[in-house]
């Protein structure tokens, strides 16, 4: 009857994959532009970010955060997106952003490394 009609109608139905791919490729394309900007980030900034995370007892998350393209400048601007993509929970993201805002660094961070 009607049940068989429905089953035969949907037997060769395949869900659209394009909508999922579009959203993923969109975030990936954003990721590319982000990673290219973080690629220009100096080792000093990387060390500073590592230091900030160490102070917050989040050293484990450093690789994921770095891979997502997060920088201290983005932290100062209050950008949650990269931290969210790195899988950092909301309260931890706020702690990281606050630490980035409090961090006196950037070009000034180089002064700390004096050869004595």
PDB file of N, CA and C in Angstrom:
ATOM      1  N   UNK A   1       0.817  -1.189   0.000  1.00  0.00           N
ATOM      2  CA  UNK A   1       0.000   0.000   0.000  1.00  0.00           C
ATOM      3  C   UNK A   1       0.858   1.249   0.000  1.00  0.00           C
ATOM      4  N   UNK A   2       0.415   2.182   0.818  1.00  0.00           N
ATOM      5  CA  UNK A   2       1.072   3.501   0.862  1.00  0.00           C
ATOM      6  C   UNK A   2       2.494   3.397   1.442  1.00  0.00           C
ATOM      7  N   UNK A   3       2.669   2.536   2.431  1.00  0.00           N
ATOM      8  CA  UNK A   3       3.984   2.361   3.049  1.00  0.00           C
ATOM      9  C   UNK A   3       5.010   1.896   2.020  1.00  0.00           C
ATOM     10  N   UNK A   4       4.626   0.913   1.193  1.00  0.00           N
ATOM     11  CA  UNK A   4       5.531   0.398   0.157  1.00  0.00           C
ATOM     12  C   UNK A   4       5.870   1.492  -0.861  1.00  0.00           C
ATOM     13  N   UNK A   5       4.881   2.326  -1.176  1.00  0.00           N
ATOM     14  CA  UNK A   5       5.084   3.420  -2.120  1.00  0.00           C
ATOM     15  C   UNK A   5       6.149   4.393  -1.591  1.00  0.00           C
ATOM     16  N   UNK A   6       6.043   4.707  -0.300  1.00  0.00           N
ATOM     17  CA  UNK A   6       7.006   5.629   0.330  1.00  0.00           C
ATOM     18  C   UNK A   6       8.395   5.005   0.341  1.00  0.00           C
ATOM     19  N   UNK A   7       8.468   3.738   0.701  1.00  0.00           N
ATOM     20  CA  UNK A   7       9.761   3.056   0.767  1.00  0.00           C
ATOM     21  C   UNK A   7      10.419   3.035  -0.614  1.00  0.00           C
ATOM     22  N   UNK A   8       9.675   2.723  -1.643  1.00  0.00           N
ATOM     23  CA  UNK A   8      10.271   2.690  -2.988  1.00  0.00           C
ATOM     24  C   UNK A   8      10.659   4.088  -3.459  1.00  0.00           C
ATOM     25  N   UNK A   9       9.902   5.100  -3.039  1.00  0.00           N
ATOM     26  CA  UNK A   9      10.221   6.475  -3.422  1.00  0.00           C
ATOM     27  C   UNK A   9      11.551   6.916  -2.819  1.00  0.00           C
ATOM     28  N   UNK A  10      11.771   6.574  -1.556  1.00  0.00           N
ATOM     29  CA  UNK A  10      12.970   7.040  -0.858  1.00  0.00           C
ATOM     30  C   UNK A  10      14.127   6.049  -0.889  1.00  0.00           C
ATOM     31  N   UNK A  11      13.953   4.914  -1.599  1.00  0.00           N
ATOM     32  CA  UNK A  11      15.006   3.889  -1.618  1.00  0.00           C
ATOM     33  C   UNK A  11      16.320   4.447  -2.157  1.00  0.00           C
ATOM     34  N   UNK A  12      16.269   5.188  -3.274  1.00  0.00           N
ATOM     35  CA  UNK A  12      17.519   5.713  -3.832  1.00  0.00           C
ATOM     36  C   UNK A  12      17.747   7.184  -3.459  1.00  0.00           C
ATOM     37  N   UNK A  13      17.095   7.612  -2.392  1.00  0.00           N
ATOM     38  CA  UNK A  13      17.327   8.976  -1.911  1.00  0.00           C
ATOM     39  C   UNK A  13      18.697   9.052  -1.245  1.00  0.00           C
ATOM     40  N   UNK A  14      19.462  10.081  -1.609  1.00  0.00           N
ATOM     41  CA  UNK A  14      20.752  10.314  -0.951  1.00  0.00           C
ATOM     42  C   UNK A  14      20.764  11.749  -0.452  1.00  0.00           C
ATOM     43  N   UNK A  15      21.076  11.936   0.831  1.00  0.00           N
ATOM     44  CA  UNK A  15      21.080  13.297   1.374  1.00  0.00           C
ATOM     45  C   UNK A  15      22.122  14.161   0.663  1.00  0.00           C
ATOM     46  N   UNK A  16      21.811  15.442   0.566  1.00  0.00           N
ATOM     47  CA  UNK A  16      22.729  16.364  -0.089  1.00  0.00           C
ATOM     48  C   UNK A  16      23.969  16.513   0.768  1.00  0.00           C
ATOM     49  N   UNK A  17      25.125  16.365   0.146  1.00  0.00           N
ATOM     50  CA  UNK A  17      26.381  16.521   0.865  1.00  0.00           C
ATOM     51  C   UNK A  17      26.922  17.932   0.659  1.00  0.00           C
ATOM     52  N   UNK A  18      26.452  18.611  -0.359  1.00  0.00           N
ATOM     53  CA  UNK A  18      27.013  19.906  -0.730  1.00  0.00           C
ATOM     54  C   UNK A  18      26.865  20.960   0.368  1.00  0.00           C
ATOM     55  N   UNK A  19      25.724  20.955   1.086  1.00  0.00           N
ATOM     56  CA  UNK A  19      25.512  21.996   2.096  1.00  0.00           C
ATOM     57  C   UNK A  19      26.544  21.894   3.212  1.00  0.00           C
ATOM     58  N   UNK A  20      26.871  20.668   3.619  1.00  0.00           N
ATOM     59  CA  UNK A  20      27.883  20.495   4.660  1.00  0.00           C
ATOM     60  C   UNK A  20      29.250  20.911   4.148  1.00  0.00           C
ATOM     61  N   UNK A  21      29.574  20.515   2.929  1.00  0.00           N
ATOM     62  CA  UNK A  21      30.877  20.844   2.365  1.00  0.00           C
ATOM     63  C   UNK A  21      31.053  22.345   2.242  1.00  0.00           C
ATOM     64  N   UNK A  22      29.977  23.039   1.850  1.00  0.00           N
ATOM     65  CA  UNK A  22      30.070  24.492   1.692  1.00  0.00           C
ATOM     66  C   UNK A  22      30.467  25.155   2.994  1.00  0.00           C
ATOM     67  N   UNK A  23      29.808  24.769   4.096  1.00  0.00           N
ATOM     68  CA  UNK A  23      30.118  25.418   5.372  1.00  0.00           C
ATOM     69  C   UNK A  23      31.537  25.076   5.818  1.00  0.00           C
ATOM     70  N   UNK A  24      31.947  23.828   5.574  1.00  0.00           N
ATOM     71  CA  UNK A  24      33.302  23.450   5.963  1.00  0.00           C
ATOM     72  C   UNK A  24      34.330  24.202   5.131  1.00  0.00           C
ATOM     73  N   UNK A  25      34.104  24.249   3.816  1.00  0.00           N
ATOM     74  CA  UNK A  25      35.092  24.911   2.961  1.00  0.00           C
ATOM     75  C   UNK A  25      35.126  26.403   3.279  1.00  0.00           C
ATOM     76  N   UNK A  26      33.984  26.951   3.686  1.00  0.00           N
ATOM     77  CA  UNK A  26      33.955  28.364   4.037  1.00  0.00           C
ATOM     78  C   UNK A  26      34.842  28.607   5.255  1.00  0.00           C
ATOM     79  N   UNK A  27      34.703  27.755   6.269  1.00  0.00           N
ATOM     80  CA  UNK A  27      35.519  27.941   7.465  1.00  0.00           C
ATOM     81  C   UNK A  27      36.986  27.634   7.153  1.00  0.00           C
ATOM     82  N   UNK A  28      37.215  26.685   6.249  1.00  0.00           N
ATOM     83  CA  UNK A  28      38.592  26.380   5.880  1.00  0.00           C
ATOM     84  C   UNK A  28      39.231  27.541   5.148  1.00  0.00           C
ATOM     85  N   UNK A  29      38.460  28.180   4.253  1.00  0.00           N
ATOM     86  CA  UNK A  29      39.039  29.296   3.514  1.00  0.00           C
ATOM     87  C   UNK A  29      39.374  30.424   4.476  1.00  0.00           C
ATOM     88  N   UNK A  30      38.522  30.611   5.498  1.00  0.00           N
ATOM     89  CA  UNK A  30      38.837  31.603   6.527  1.00  0.00           C
ATOM     90  C   UNK A  30      40.087  31.170   7.270  1.00  0.00           C
ATOM     91  N   UNK A  31      40.191  29.861   7.496  1.00  0.00           N
ATOM     92  CA  UNK A  31      41.346  29.327   8.206  1.00  0.00           C
ATOM     93  C   UNK A  31      42.630  29.584   7.449  1.00  0.00           C
ATOM     94  N   UNK A  32      42.570  29.482   6.121  1.00  0.00           N
ATOM     95  CA  UNK A  32      43.768  29.714   5.317  1.00  0.00           C
ATOM     96  C   UNK A  32      44.263  31.137   5.498  1.00  0.00           C
ATOM     97  N   UNK A  33      43.349  32.099   5.403  1.00  0.00           N
ATOM     98  CA  UNK A  33      43.766  33.490   5.536  1.00  0.00           C
ATOM     99  C   UNK A  33      44.296  33.736   6.948  1.00  0.00           C
ATOM    100  N   UNK A  34      43.692  33.054   7.912  1.00  0.00           N
ATOM    101  CA  UNK A  34      44.112  33.226   9.289  1.00  0.00           C
ATOM    102  C   UNK A  34      45.499  32.633   9.500  1.00  0.00           C
ATOM    103  N   UNK A  35      45.714  31.416   8.961  1.00  0.00           N
ATOM    104  CA  UNK A  35      46.999  30.772   9.194  1.00  0.00           C
ATOM    105  C   UNK A  35      48.109  31.514   8.469  1.00  0.00           C
ATOM    106  N   UNK A  36      47.805  32.135   7.338  1.00  0.00           N
ATOM    107  CA  UNK A  36      48.840  32.880   6.635  1.00  0.00           C
ATOM    108  C   UNK A  36      49.236  34.108   7.453  1.00  0.00           C
ATOM    109  N   UNK A  37      48.270  34.710   8.140  1.00  0.00           N
ATOM    110  CA  UNK A  37      48.602  35.874   8.965  1.00  0.00           C
ATOM    111  C   UNK A  37      49.364  35.430  10.214  1.00  0.00           C
ATOM    112  N   UNK A  38      49.021  34.246  10.748  1.00  0.00           N
ATOM    113  CA  UNK A  38      49.731  33.781  11.931  1.00  0.00           C
ATOM    114  C   UNK A  38      51.095  33.235  11.545  1.00  0.00           C
ATOM    115  N   UNK A  39      51.256  32.832  10.292  1.00  0.00           N
ATOM    116  CA  UNK A  39      52.542  32.340   9.816  1.00  0.00           C
ATOM    117  C   UNK A  39      53.601  33.414   9.891  1.00  0.00           C
ATOM    118  N   UNK A  40      53.181  34.670   9.769  1.00  0.00           N
ATOM    119  CA  UNK A  40      54.129  35.772   9.850  1.00  0.00           C
ATOM    120  C   UNK A  40      54.438  36.123  11.304  1.00  0.00           C
ATOM    121  N   UNK A  41      53.725  35.494  12.255  1.00  0.00           N
ATOM    122  CA  UNK A  41      53.953  35.757  13.671  1.00  0.00           C
ATOM    123  C   UNK A  41      55.360  35.345  14.080  1.00  0.00           C
ATOM    124  N   UNK A  42      56.007  36.164  14.868  1.00  0.00           N
ATOM    125  CA  UNK A  42      57.393  35.899  15.249  1.00  0.00           C
ATOM    126  C   UNK A  42      57.465  34.832  16.330  1.00  0.00           C
ATOM    127  N   UNK A  43      58.662  34.321  16.530  1.00  0.00           N
ATOM    128  CA  UNK A  43      58.870  33.331  17.586  1.00  0.00           C
ATOM    129  C   UNK A  43      58.665  33.961  18.959  1.00  0.00           C
ATOM    130  N   UNK A  44      58.938  35.281  19.048  1.00  0.00           N
ATOM    131  CA  UNK A  44      58.739  35.972  20.319  1.00  0.00           C
ATOM    132  C   UNK A  44      57.278  35.904  20.738  1.00  0.00           C
ATOM    133  N   UNK A  45      56.392  36.124  19.755  1.00  0.00           N
ATOM    134  CA  UNK A  45      54.962  36.093  20.055  1.00  0.00           C
ATOM    135  C   UNK A  45      54.536  34.691  20.453  1.00  0.00           C
ATOM    136  N   UNK A  46      55.119  33.697  19.778  1.00  0.00           N
ATOM    137  CA  UNK A  46      54.815  32.305  20.092  1.00  0.00           C
ATOM    138  C   UNK A  46      55.231  32.006  21.534  1.00  0.00           C
ATOM    139  N   UNK A  47      56.412  32.464  21.914  1.00  0.00           N
ATOM    140  CA  UNK A  47      56.910  32.251  23.276  1.00  0.00           C
ATOM    141  C   UNK A  47      56.026  32.985  24.283  1.00  0.00           C
ATOM    142  N   UNK A  48      55.586  34.188  23.907  1.00  0.00           N
ATOM    143  CA  UNK A  48      54.730  34.976  24.796  1.00  0.00           C
ATOM    144  C   UNK A  48      53.396  34.273  24.998  1.00  0.00           C
ATOM    145  N   UNK A  49      52.834  33.737  23.907  1.00  0.00           N
ATOM    146  CA  UNK A  49      51.562  33.015  24.002  1.00  0.00           C
ATOM    147  C   UNK A  49      51.728  31.787  24.888  1.00  0.00           C
ATOM    148  N   UNK A  50      52.852  31.097  24.711  1.00  0.00           N
ATOM    149  CA  UNK A  50      53.147  29.923  25.523  1.00  0.00           C
ATOM    150  C   UNK A  50      53.220  30.319  27.005  1.00  0.00           C
ATOM    151  N   UNK A  51      53.849  31.467  27.270  1.00  0.00           N
ATOM    152  CA  UNK A  51      53.997  31.964  28.634  1.00  0.00           C
ATOM    153  C   UNK A  51      52.631  32.279  29.247  1.00  0.00           C
ATOM    154  N   UNK A  52      51.779  32.952  28.467  1.00  0.00           N
ATOM    155  CA  UNK A  52      50.432  33.294  28.937  1.00  0.00           C
ATOM    156  C   UNK A  52      49.661  32.030  29.294  1.00  0.00           C
ATOM    157  N   UNK A  53      49.724  31.026  28.408  1.00  0.00           N
ATOM    158  CA  UNK A  53      48.994  29.776  28.650  1.00  0.00           C
ATOM    159  C   UNK A  53      49.567  29.046  29.861  1.00  0.00           C
ATOM    160  N   UNK A  54      50.884  29.136  30.036  1.00  0.00           N
ATOM    161  CA  UNK A  54      51.509  28.481  31.187  1.00  0.00           C
ATOM    162  C   UNK A  54      51.014  29.111  32.493  1.00  0.00           C
ATOM    163  N   UNK A  55      50.902  30.444  32.498  1.00  0.00           N
ATOM    164  CA  UNK A  55      50.404  31.146  33.688  1.00  0.00           C
ATOM    165  C   UNK A  55      48.970  30.739  34.010  1.00  0.00           C
ATOM    166  N   UNK A  56      48.205  30.399  32.973  1.00  0.00           N
ATOM    167  CA  UNK A  56      46.805  30.003  33.169  1.00  0.00           C
ATOM    168  C   UNK A  56      46.653  28.487  33.331  1.00  0.00           C
ATOM    169  N   UNK A  57      47.768  27.781  33.440  1.00  0.00           N
ATOM    170  CA  UNK A  57      47.773  26.305  33.519  1.00  0.00           C
ATOM    171  C   UNK A  57      47.068  25.667  32.330  1.00  0.00           C
ATOM    172  N   UNK A  58      47.313  26.198  31.140  1.00  0.00           N
ATOM    173  CA  UNK A  58      46.710  25.641  29.929  1.00  0.00           C
ATOM    174  C   UNK A  58      47.769  25.330  28.873  1.00  0.00           C
ATOM    175  N   UNK A  59      48.953  24.937  29.311  1.00  0.00           N
ATOM    176  CA  UNK A  59      50.045  24.641  28.382  1.00  0.00           C
ATOM    177  C   UNK A  59      49.676  23.536  27.398  1.00  0.00           C
ATOM    178  N   UNK A  60      48.806  22.623  27.840  1.00  0.00           N
ATOM    179  CA  UNK A  60      48.406  21.494  26.991  1.00  0.00           C
ATOM    180  C   UNK A  60      47.698  21.963  25.721  1.00  0.00           C
ATOM    181  N   UNK A  61      46.976  23.073  25.834  1.00  0.00           N
ATOM    182  CA  UNK A  61      46.183  23.557  24.705  1.00  0.00           C
ATOM    183  C   UNK A  61      47.001  24.376  23.704  1.00  0.00           C
ATOM    184  N   UNK A  62      48.286  24.618  23.979  1.00  0.00           N
ATOM    185  CA  UNK A  62      49.086  25.509  23.138  1.00  0.00           C
ATOM    186  C   UNK A  62      49.082  25.091  21.667  1.00  0.00           C
ATOM    187  N   UNK A  63      49.342  23.796  21.398  1.00  0.00           N
ATOM    188  CA  UNK A  63      49.419  23.334  19.997  1.00  0.00           C
ATOM    189  C   UNK A  63      48.114  23.578  19.254  1.00  0.00           C
ATOM    190  N   UNK A  64      46.999  23.254  19.904  1.00  0.00           N
ATOM    191  CA  UNK A  64      45.691  23.426  19.263  1.00  0.00           C
ATOM    192  C   UNK A  64      45.407  24.902  18.997  1.00  0.00           C
ATOM    193  N   UNK A  65      45.757  25.748  19.962  1.00  0.00           N
ATOM    194  CA  UNK A  65      45.516  27.188  19.827  1.00  0.00           C
ATOM    195  C   UNK A  65      46.388  27.766  18.715  1.00  0.00           C
ATOM    196  N   UNK A  66      47.645  27.342  18.689  1.00  0.00           N
ATOM    197  CA  UNK A  66      48.575  27.834  17.664  1.00  0.00           C
ATOM    198  C   UNK A  66      48.101  27.386  16.279  1.00  0.00           C
ATOM    199  N   UNK A  67      47.671  26.130  16.195  1.00  0.00           N
ATOM    200  CA  UNK A  67      47.202  25.580  14.917  1.00  0.00           C
ATOM    201  C   UNK A  67      45.976  26.328  14.405  1.00  0.00           C
ATOM    202  N   UNK A  68      45.131  26.795  15.324  1.00  0.00           N
ATOM    203  CA  UNK A  68      43.910  27.504  14.919  1.00  0.00           C
ATOM    204  C   UNK A  68      44.215  28.907  14.399  1.00  0.00           C
ATOM    205  N   UNK A  69      45.435  29.381  14.628  1.00  0.00           N
ATOM    206  CA  UNK A  69      45.821  30.692  14.109  1.00  0.00           C
ATOM    207  C   UNK A  69      45.615  31.827  15.095  1.00  0.00           C
ATOM    208  N   UNK A  70      45.431  31.483  16.366  1.00  0.00           N
ATOM    209  CA  UNK A  70      45.224  32.511  17.386  1.00  0.00           C
ATOM    210  C   UNK A  70      46.530  33.241  17.659  1.00  0.00           C
ATOM    211  N   UNK A  71      46.455  34.564  17.808  1.00  0.00           N
ATOM    212  CA  UNK A  71      47.626  35.370  18.161  1.00  0.00           C
ATOM    213  C   UNK A  71      47.268  36.270  19.340  1.00  0.00           C
ATOM    214  N   UNK A  72      48.273  36.846  19.970  1.00  0.00           N
ATOM    215  CA  UNK A  72      48.028  37.738  21.108  1.00  0.00           C
ATOM    216  C   UNK A  72      47.243  38.964  20.650  1.00  0.00           C
ATOM    217  N   UNK A  73      47.555  39.467  19.455  1.00  0.00           N
ATOM    218  CA  UNK A  73      46.809  40.618  18.918  1.00  0.00           C
ATOM    219  C   UNK A  73      45.326  40.299  18.793  1.00  0.00           C
ATOM    220  N   UNK A  74      45.021  39.082  18.317  1.00  0.00           N
ATOM    221  CA  UNK A  74      43.614  38.686  18.199  1.00  0.00           C
ATOM    222  C   UNK A  74      42.985  38.581  19.579  1.00  0.00           C
ATOM    223  N   UNK A  75      43.785  38.167  20.559  1.00  0.00           N
ATOM    224  CA  UNK A  75      43.304  38.092  21.935  1.00  0.00           C
ATOM    225  C   UNK A  75      42.993  39.472  22.483  1.00  0.00           C
ATOM    226  N   UNK A  76      43.861  40.436  22.151  1.00  0.00           N
ATOM    227  CA  UNK A  76      43.632  41.809  22.602  1.00  0.00           C
ATOM    228  C   UNK A  76      42.384  42.396  21.970  1.00  0.00           C
ATOM    229  N   UNK A  77      42.091  41.961  20.732  1.00  0.00           N
ATOM    230  CA  UNK A  77      40.883  42.424  20.038  1.00  0.00           C
ATOM    231  C   UNK A  77      39.639  41.665  20.480  1.00  0.00           C
ATOM    232  N   UNK A  78      39.830  40.632  21.292  1.00  0.00           N
ATOM    233  CA  UNK A  78      38.691  39.876  21.817  1.00  0.00           C
ATOM    234  C   UNK A  78      38.120  38.860  20.846  1.00  0.00           C
ATOM    235  N   UNK A  79      38.979  38.246  20.026  1.00  0.00           N
ATOM    236  CA  UNK A  79      38.521  37.271  19.036  1.00  0.00           C
ATOM    237  C   UNK A  79      38.406  35.875  19.652  1.00  0.00           C
ATOM    238  N   UNK A  80      37.172  35.387  19.750  1.00  0.00           N
ATOM    239  CA  UNK A  80      36.912  34.057  20.324  1.00  0.00           C
ATOM    240  C   UNK A  80      37.006  32.949  19.287  1.00  0.00           C
ATOM    241  N   UNK A  81      36.851  33.287  18.014  1.00  0.00           N
ATOM    242  CA  UNK A  81      36.644  32.282  16.982  1.00  0.00           C
ATOM    243  C   UNK A  81      37.738  31.221  16.956  1.00  0.00           C
ATOM    244  N   UNK A  82      38.993  31.642  16.940  1.00  0.00           N
ATOM    245  CA  UNK A  82      40.087  30.665  16.851  1.00  0.00           C
ATOM    246  C   UNK A  82      40.148  29.775  18.087  1.00  0.00           C
ATOM    247  N   UNK A  83      39.893  30.375  19.241  1.00  0.00           N
ATOM    248  CA  UNK A  83      39.916  29.583  20.475  1.00  0.00           C
ATOM    249  C   UNK A  83      38.772  28.571  20.481  1.00  0.00           C
ATOM    250  N   UNK A  84      37.627  29.004  19.962  1.00  0.00           N
ATOM    251  CA  UNK A  84      36.480  28.105  19.887  1.00  0.00           C
ATOM    252  C   UNK A  84      36.803  26.929  18.970  1.00  0.00           C
ATOM    253  N   UNK A  85      37.421  27.234  17.825  1.00  0.00           N
ATOM    254  CA  UNK A  85      37.790  26.178  16.873  1.00  0.00           C
ATOM    255  C   UNK A  85      38.833  25.238  17.475  1.00  0.00           C
ATOM    256  N   UNK A  86      39.649  25.754  18.378  1.00  0.00           N
ATOM    257  CA  UNK A  86      40.667  24.926  19.028  1.00  0.00           C
ATOM    258  C   UNK A  86      40.059  24.048  20.120  1.00  0.00           C
ATOM    259  N   UNK A  87      38.753  24.246  20.386  1.00  0.00           N
ATOM    260  CA  UNK A  87      38.058  23.410  21.368  1.00  0.00           C
ATOM    261  C   UNK A  87      38.206  23.902  22.797  1.00  0.00           C
ATOM    262  N   UNK A  88      38.475  25.192  22.962  1.00  0.00           N
ATOM    263  CA  UNK A  88      38.621  25.766  24.299  1.00  0.00           C
ATOM    264  C   UNK A  88      37.243  26.166  24.807  1.00  0.00           C
ATOM    265  N   UNK A  89      36.944  25.787  26.056  1.00  0.00           N
ATOM    266  CA  UNK A  89      35.630  26.117  26.631  1.00  0.00           C
ATOM    267  C   UNK A  89      35.518  27.611  26.906  1.00  0.00           C
ATOM    268  N   UNK A  90      34.277  28.076  26.966  1.00  0.00           N
ATOM    269  CA  UNK A  90      33.970  29.505  27.072  1.00  0.00           C
ATOM    270  C   UNK A  90      34.725  30.200  28.220  1.00  0.00           C
ATOM    271  N   UNK A  91      34.645  29.653  29.437  1.00  0.00           N
ATOM    272  CA  UNK A  91      35.292  30.323  30.568  1.00  0.00           C
ATOM    273  C   UNK A  91      36.807  30.406  30.383  1.00  0.00           C
ATOM    274  N   UNK A  92      37.402  29.387  29.800  1.00  0.00           N
ATOM    275  CA  UNK A  92      38.841  29.393  29.543  1.00  0.00           C
ATOM    276  C   UNK A  92      39.175  30.428  28.462  1.00  0.00           C
ATOM    277  N   UNK A  93      38.294  30.561  27.464  1.00  0.00           N
ATOM    278  CA  UNK A  93      38.518  31.554  26.398  1.00  0.00           C
ATOM    279  C   UNK A  93      38.571  32.952  26.997  1.00  0.00           C
ATOM    280  N   UNK A  94      37.641  33.246  27.922  1.00  0.00           N
ATOM    281  CA  UNK A  94      37.636  34.562  28.546  1.00  0.00           C
ATOM    282  C   UNK A  94      38.924  34.797  29.332  1.00  0.00           C
ATOM    283  N   UNK A  95      39.408  33.760  30.018  1.00  0.00           N
ATOM    284  CA  UNK A  95      40.657  33.885  30.777  1.00  0.00           C
ATOM    285  C   UNK A  95      41.818  34.201  29.843  1.00  0.00           C
ATOM    286  N   UNK A  96      41.876  33.498  28.709  1.00  0.00           N
ATOM    287  CA  UNK A  96      42.964  33.714  27.739  1.00  0.00           C
ATOM    288  C   UNK A  96      42.888  35.125  27.169  1.00  0.00           C
ATOM    289  N   UNK A  97      41.685  35.565  26.792  1.00  0.00           N
ATOM    290  CA  UNK A  97      41.524  36.908  26.215  1.00  0.00           C
ATOM    291  C   UNK A  97      41.912  37.978  27.227  1.00  0.00           C
ATOM    292  N   UNK A  98      41.524  37.771  28.485  1.00  0.00           N
ATOM    293  CA  UNK A  98      41.875  38.744  29.521  1.00  0.00           C
ATOM    294  C   UNK A  98      43.390  38.795  29.703  1.00  0.00           C
ATOM    295  N   UNK A  99      44.019  37.624  29.710  1.00  0.00           N
ATOM    296  CA  UNK A  99      45.480  37.563  29.870  1.00  0.00           C
ATOM    297  C   UNK A  99      46.177  38.239  28.693  1.00  0.00           C
ATOM    298  N   UNK A 100      45.639  38.076  27.488  1.00  0.00           N
ATOM    299  CA  UNK A 100      46.217  38.724  26.301  1.00  0.00           C
ATOM    300  C   UNK A 100      46.087  40.242  26.401  1.00  0.00           C
ATOM    301  N   UNK A 101      44.942  40.696  26.886  1.00  0.00           N
ATOM    302  CA  UNK A 101      44.742  42.140  27.022  1.00  0.00           C
ATOM    303  C   UNK A 101      45.668  42.726  28.082  1.00  0.00           C
ATOM    304  N   UNK A 102      45.887  41.967  29.157  1.00  0.00           N
ATOM    305  CA  UNK A 102      46.762  42.431  30.235  1.00  0.00           C
ATOM    306  C   UNK A 102      48.238  42.348  29.851  1.00  0.00           C
ATOM    307  N   UNK A 103      48.535  41.493  28.843  1.00  0.00           N
ATOM    308  CA  UNK A 103      49.924  41.264  28.446  1.00  0.00           C
ATOM    309  C   UNK A 103      50.515  42.503  27.787  1.00  0.00           C
ATOM    310  N   UNK A 104      51.614  42.979  28.342  1.00  0.00           N
ATOM    311  CA  UNK A 104      52.330  44.103  27.728  1.00  0.00           C
ATOM    312  C   UNK A 104      53.371  43.477  26.817  1.00  0.00           C
ATOM    313  N   UNK A 105      53.132  43.534  25.516  1.00  0.00           N
ATOM    314  CA  UNK A 105      54.069  42.837  24.650  1.00  0.00           C
ATOM    315  C   UNK A 105      54.043  43.346  23.236  1.00  0.00           C
ATOM    316  N   UNK A 106      54.048  42.389  22.312  1.00  0.00           N
ATOM    317  CA  UNK A 106      54.170  42.750  20.899  1.00  0.00           C
ATOM    318  C   UNK A 106      55.615  43.053  20.618  1.00  0.00           C
ATOM    319  N   UNK A 107      55.902  44.240  20.088  1.00  0.00           N
ATOM    320  CA  UNK A 107      57.273  44.624  19.797  1.00  0.00           C
ATOM    321  C   UNK A 107      58.045  44.868  21.095  1.00  0.00           C
ATOM    322  N   UNK A 108      57.344  45.240  22.157  1.00  0.00           N
ATOM    323  CA  UNK A 108      57.992  45.487  23.442  1.00  0.00           C
ATOM    324  C   UNK A 108      58.486  44.224  24.103  1.00  0.00           C
ATOM    325  N   UNK A 109      57.940  43.085  23.694  1.00  0.00           N
ATOM    326  CA  UNK A 109      58.324  41.818  24.306  1.00  0.00           C
ATOM    327  C   UNK A 109      59.770  41.448  24.037  1.00  0.00           C
ATOM    328  N   UNK A 110      60.341  41.999  22.972  1.00  0.00           N
ATOM    329  CA  UNK A 110      61.712  41.684  22.607  1.00  0.00           C
ATOM    330  C   UNK A 110      62.706  42.255  23.611  1.00  0.00           C
ATOM    331  N   UNK A 111      62.313  43.316  24.290  1.00  0.00           N
ATOM    332  CA  UNK A 111      63.209  43.977  25.230  1.00  0.00           C
ATOM    333  C   UNK A 111      63.531  43.073  26.422  1.00  0.00           C
ATOM    334  N   UNK A 112      62.599  42.178  26.723  1.00  0.00           N
ATOM    335  CA  UNK A 112      62.781  41.306  27.885  1.00  0.00           C
ATOM    336  C   UNK A 112      63.973  40.373  27.720  1.00  0.00           C
ATOM    337  N   UNK A 113      64.243  39.976  26.494  1.00  0.00           N
ATOM    338  CA  UNK A 113      65.335  39.037  26.238  1.00  0.00           C
ATOM    339  C   UNK A 113      66.657  39.772  26.097  1.00  0.00           C
ATOM    340  N   UNK A 114      67.204  40.154  27.236  1.00  0.00           N
ATOM    341  CA  UNK A 114      68.510  40.831  27.218  1.00  0.00           C
ATOM    342  C   UNK A 114      69.593  39.788  27.408  1.00  0.00           C
ATOM    343  N   UNK A 115      70.677  39.955  26.689  1.00  0.00           N
ATOM    344  CA  UNK A 115      71.800  39.039  26.857  1.00  0.00           C
ATOM    345  C   UNK A 115      72.655  39.580  27.992  1.00  0.00           C
ATOM    346  N   UNK A 116      72.778  38.785  29.055  1.00  0.00           N
ATOM    347  CA  UNK A 116      73.573  39.245  30.198  1.00  0.00           C
ATOM    348  C   UNK A 116      74.777  38.351  30.408  1.00  0.00           C
TER     349      UNK A 116
END
